[in-house]
Amino acid sequence: MAWVIDLDGVIWLADSPIPGSAEAISRLRQLGQWPVFLTNNSSSTVGEYLAKLEAMPQRASSTTRRWGTSSKRSDPSRKARSPGS
């Protein structure tokens, strides 16, 4: 089963973890599930989001494998493309 989990409002609200979110992620991992985290908040890089997860109780990001973000900052080497290119 795939788990796609939004960060803002599901894992944390502003800088505060949502109660139980880290435990839920930990439980999924105990069951052999690896959730995919995503956000439409482009204000931070993937590295900054990973650091924020690392600071959560039970280290929610521990060995996080997959990420999605709307941030162009997530890959600074990526060049902007025009539509259709």
N, C-alpha and C. Protein backbone atom coordinates (compact mmCIF):
# COMPACT_ATOMS: atom_id res chain seq x y z
N MET A 1 0.84 -1.17 0.00
CA MET A 1 0.00 0.00 0.00
C MET A 1 0.89 1.24 0.00
N ALA A 2 0.51 2.22 -0.76
CA ALA A 2 1.26 3.48 -0.82
C ALA A 2 0.65 4.49 0.14
N TRP A 3 1.50 5.24 0.79
CA TRP A 3 1.08 6.31 1.69
C TRP A 3 1.71 7.60 1.19
N VAL A 4 0.90 8.53 0.76
CA VAL A 4 1.37 9.86 0.35
C VAL A 4 0.86 10.82 1.42
N ILE A 5 1.79 11.46 2.12
CA ILE A 5 1.42 12.26 3.28
C ILE A 5 1.89 13.70 3.10
N ASP A 6 0.94 14.60 3.20
CA ASP A 6 1.25 16.03 3.16
C ASP A 6 1.91 16.42 4.48
N LEU A 7 2.75 17.42 4.42
CA LEU A 7 3.44 17.86 5.63
C LEU A 7 2.64 18.91 6.40
N ASP A 8 2.28 20.00 5.73
CA ASP A 8 1.61 21.11 6.39
C ASP A 8 0.18 20.74 6.77
N GLY A 9 -0.09 20.74 8.07
CA GLY A 9 -1.43 20.42 8.56
C GLY A 9 -1.67 18.95 8.81
N VAL A 10 -0.73 18.10 8.43
CA VAL A 10 -0.85 16.65 8.68
C VAL A 10 0.28 16.20 9.60
N ILE A 11 1.51 16.55 9.25
CA ILE A 11 2.67 16.21 10.07
C ILE A 11 2.98 17.33 11.06
N TRP A 12 2.86 18.56 10.60
CA TRP A 12 3.07 19.71 11.49
C TRP A 12 2.15 20.85 11.11
N LEU A 13 2.01 21.77 12.04
CA LEU A 13 1.28 23.01 11.82
C LEU A 13 2.23 24.12 12.21
N ALA A 14 2.66 24.89 11.22
CA ALA A 14 3.73 25.89 11.41
C ALA A 14 4.98 25.15 11.87
N ASP A 15 5.44 25.41 13.08
CA ASP A 15 6.64 24.73 13.57
C ASP A 15 6.34 23.70 14.66
N SER A 16 5.07 23.38 14.84
CA SER A 16 4.68 22.44 15.89
C SER A 16 4.20 21.12 15.28
N PRO A 17 4.75 20.00 15.73
CA PRO A 17 4.27 18.71 15.24
C PRO A 17 2.80 18.50 15.62
N ILE A 18 2.04 17.89 14.73
CA ILE A 18 0.67 17.49 15.03
C ILE A 18 0.76 16.30 16.00
N PRO A 19 0.07 16.36 17.13
CA PRO A 19 0.15 15.25 18.08
C PRO A 19 -0.16 13.91 17.42
N GLY A 20 0.72 12.95 17.63
CA GLY A 20 0.54 11.60 17.11
C GLY A 20 1.11 11.36 15.72
N SER A 21 1.52 12.42 15.03
CA SER A 21 1.99 12.23 13.65
C SER A 21 3.30 11.44 13.59
N ALA A 22 4.25 11.75 14.45
CA ALA A 22 5.51 11.02 14.43
C ALA A 22 5.30 9.55 14.79
N GLU A 23 4.41 9.31 15.74
CA GLU A 23 4.11 7.93 16.14
C GLU A 23 3.45 7.16 14.99
N ALA A 24 2.57 7.84 14.26
CA ALA A 24 1.89 7.20 13.12
C ALA A 24 2.90 6.82 12.04
N ILE A 25 3.85 7.71 11.76
CA ILE A 25 4.88 7.41 10.77
C ILE A 25 5.73 6.24 11.24
N SER A 26 6.09 6.27 12.51
CA SER A 26 6.88 5.18 13.09
C SER A 26 6.14 3.85 12.97
N ARG A 27 4.85 3.87 13.21
CA ARG A 27 4.06 2.63 13.11
C ARG A 27 4.01 2.13 11.68
N LEU A 28 3.83 3.03 10.73
CA LEU A 28 3.84 2.62 9.32
C LEU A 28 5.16 1.92 8.98
N ARG A 29 6.26 2.48 9.45
CA ARG A 29 7.57 1.90 9.16
C ARG A 29 7.73 0.53 9.82
N GLN A 30 7.18 0.38 11.03
CA GLN A 30 7.22 -0.92 11.70
C GLN A 30 6.48 -1.97 10.88
N LEU A 31 5.48 -1.53 10.14
CA LEU A 31 4.69 -2.43 9.30
C LEU A 31 5.31 -2.61 7.91
N GLY A 32 6.50 -2.04 7.72
CA GLY A 32 7.19 -2.19 6.44
C GLY A 32 6.72 -1.21 5.37
N GLN A 33 6.01 -0.19 5.77
CA GLN A 33 5.52 0.82 4.83
C GLN A 33 6.46 2.03 4.85
N TRP A 34 6.70 2.62 3.70
CA TRP A 34 7.56 3.80 3.62
C TRP A 34 6.77 4.93 2.97
N PRO A 35 6.23 5.83 3.80
CA PRO A 35 5.41 6.90 3.25
C PRO A 35 6.21 7.86 2.38
N VAL A 36 5.50 8.44 1.43
CA VAL A 36 6.05 9.49 0.57
C VAL A 36 5.55 10.80 1.13
N PHE A 37 6.45 11.72 1.42
CA PHE A 37 6.06 13.03 1.93
C PHE A 37 6.03 14.03 0.79
N LEU A 38 5.05 14.91 0.86
CA LEU A 38 4.99 15.97 -0.14
C LEU A 38 4.42 17.22 0.49
N THR A 39 4.59 18.31 -0.21
CA THR A 39 4.04 19.58 0.22
C THR A 39 3.88 20.49 -0.99
N ASN A 40 2.92 21.37 -0.91
CA ASN A 40 2.80 22.39 -1.94
C ASN A 40 3.38 23.72 -1.45
N ASN A 41 4.03 23.68 -0.31
CA ASN A 41 4.68 24.86 0.26
C ASN A 41 6.10 24.92 -0.30
N SER A 42 6.35 25.89 -1.15
CA SER A 42 7.65 25.97 -1.82
C SER A 42 8.63 26.90 -1.11
N SER A 43 8.37 27.22 0.15
CA SER A 43 9.23 28.17 0.85
C SER A 43 10.53 27.56 1.37
N SER A 44 10.64 26.23 1.37
CA SER A 44 11.84 25.57 1.88
C SER A 44 12.35 24.54 0.88
N THR A 45 13.60 24.16 1.05
CA THR A 45 14.19 23.11 0.21
C THR A 45 13.89 21.75 0.81
N VAL A 46 14.13 20.71 0.04
CA VAL A 46 13.96 19.35 0.55
C VAL A 46 14.84 19.15 1.78
N GLY A 47 16.07 19.63 1.72
CA GLY A 47 16.98 19.51 2.87
C GLY A 47 16.44 20.17 4.12
N GLU A 48 15.81 21.33 3.95
CA GLU A 48 15.22 22.02 5.10
C GLU A 48 14.04 21.25 5.67
N TYR A 49 13.24 20.64 4.78
CA TYR A 49 12.13 19.82 5.27
C TYR A 49 12.65 18.56 5.97
N LEU A 50 13.70 17.96 5.45
CA LEU A 50 14.28 16.79 6.11
C LEU A 50 14.78 17.15 7.51
N ALA A 51 15.44 18.30 7.62
CA ALA A 51 15.93 18.75 8.93
C ALA A 51 14.77 18.97 9.90
N LYS A 52 13.68 19.51 9.39
CA LYS A 52 12.51 19.73 10.25
C LYS A 52 11.93 18.40 10.72
N LEU A 53 11.88 17.41 9.83
CA LEU A 53 11.41 16.08 10.24
C LEU A 53 12.36 15.43 11.24
N GLU A 54 13.64 15.63 11.05
CA GLU A 54 14.66 15.07 11.96
C GLU A 54 14.48 15.61 13.37
N ALA A 55 14.02 16.85 13.48
CA ALA A 55 13.86 17.49 14.79
C ALA A 55 12.58 17.05 15.50
N MET A 56 11.72 16.32 14.81
CA MET A 56 10.46 15.88 15.41
C MET A 56 10.68 14.75 16.39
N PRO A 57 9.71 14.58 17.29
CA PRO A 57 9.79 13.41 18.18
C PRO A 57 9.88 12.13 17.35
N GLN A 58 10.61 11.18 17.82
CA GLN A 58 10.81 9.88 17.16
C GLN A 58 11.43 10.01 15.77
N ARG A 59 12.07 11.13 15.50
CA ARG A 59 12.78 11.33 14.23
C ARG A 59 11.98 10.81 13.05
N ALA A 60 10.94 11.50 12.73
CA ALA A 60 10.01 11.06 11.68
C ALA A 60 10.68 10.87 10.34
N SER A 61 11.80 11.54 10.10
CA SER A 61 12.44 11.42 8.79
C SER A 61 13.43 10.28 8.70
N SER A 62 13.64 9.57 9.78
CA SER A 62 14.65 8.52 9.81
C SER A 62 14.58 7.65 8.56
N THR A 63 15.63 7.69 7.80
CA THR A 63 15.79 6.96 6.54
C THR A 63 14.66 7.23 5.55
N THR A 64 14.19 8.46 5.52
CA THR A 64 13.19 8.84 4.51
C THR A 64 13.78 8.63 3.14
N ARG A 65 13.02 8.00 2.27
CA ARG A 65 13.53 7.64 0.95
C ARG A 65 12.93 8.47 -0.17
N ARG A 66 11.71 8.93 -0.02
CA ARG A 66 11.03 9.58 -1.14
C ARG A 66 10.50 10.93 -0.71
N TRP A 67 10.60 11.87 -1.62
CA TRP A 67 10.15 13.22 -1.32
C TRP A 67 9.49 13.84 -2.52
N GLY A 68 8.55 14.69 -2.28
CA GLY A 68 7.95 15.52 -3.31
C GLY A 68 7.74 16.91 -2.77
N THR A 69 8.04 17.89 -3.55
CA THR A 69 7.80 19.27 -3.15
C THR A 69 7.54 20.10 -4.39
N SER A 70 6.81 21.17 -4.22
CA SER A 70 6.57 22.07 -5.33
C SER A 70 7.71 23.05 -5.50
N SER A 71 8.70 22.96 -4.62
CA SER A 71 9.79 23.93 -4.61
C SER A 71 10.77 23.72 -5.75
N LYS A 72 11.00 24.76 -6.52
CA LYS A 72 12.07 24.71 -7.51
C LYS A 72 13.41 24.69 -6.80
N ARG A 73 13.42 25.10 -5.54
CA ARG A 73 14.64 25.09 -4.75
C ARG A 73 15.06 23.67 -4.39
N SER A 74 14.20 22.70 -4.59
CA SER A 74 14.53 21.33 -4.21
C SER A 74 15.68 20.76 -5.03
N ASP A 75 15.87 21.27 -6.22
CA ASP A 75 16.97 20.85 -7.08
C ASP A 75 17.56 22.08 -7.73
N PRO A 76 18.55 22.70 -7.09
CA PRO A 76 19.09 23.95 -7.62
C PRO A 76 19.73 23.81 -8.99
N SER A 77 20.04 22.60 -9.40
CA SER A 77 20.66 22.43 -10.72
C SER A 77 19.62 22.34 -11.83
N ARG A 78 18.36 22.19 -11.44
CA ARG A 78 17.30 22.05 -12.44
C ARG A 78 17.07 23.38 -13.14
N LYS A 79 17.05 23.36 -14.44
CA LYS A 79 16.85 24.56 -15.22
C LYS A 79 15.37 24.71 -15.56
N ALA A 80 14.93 25.95 -15.56
CA ALA A 80 13.53 26.22 -15.93
C ALA A 80 13.32 25.86 -17.39
N ARG A 81 12.18 25.27 -17.67
CA ARG A 81 11.85 24.89 -19.05
C ARG A 81 10.54 25.59 -19.43
N SER A 82 10.45 25.92 -20.68
CA SER A 82 9.21 26.48 -21.15
C SER A 82 8.24 25.35 -21.44
N PRO A 83 6.92 25.62 -21.36
CA PRO A 83 5.95 24.56 -21.63
C PRO A 83 6.17 23.91 -22.99
N GLY A 84 6.07 22.60 -23.02
CA GLY A 84 6.23 21.86 -24.28
C GLY A 84 7.65 21.51 -24.63
N SER A 85 8.63 21.93 -23.80
CA SER A 85 10.03 21.61 -24.14
C SER A 85 10.48 20.33 -23.49
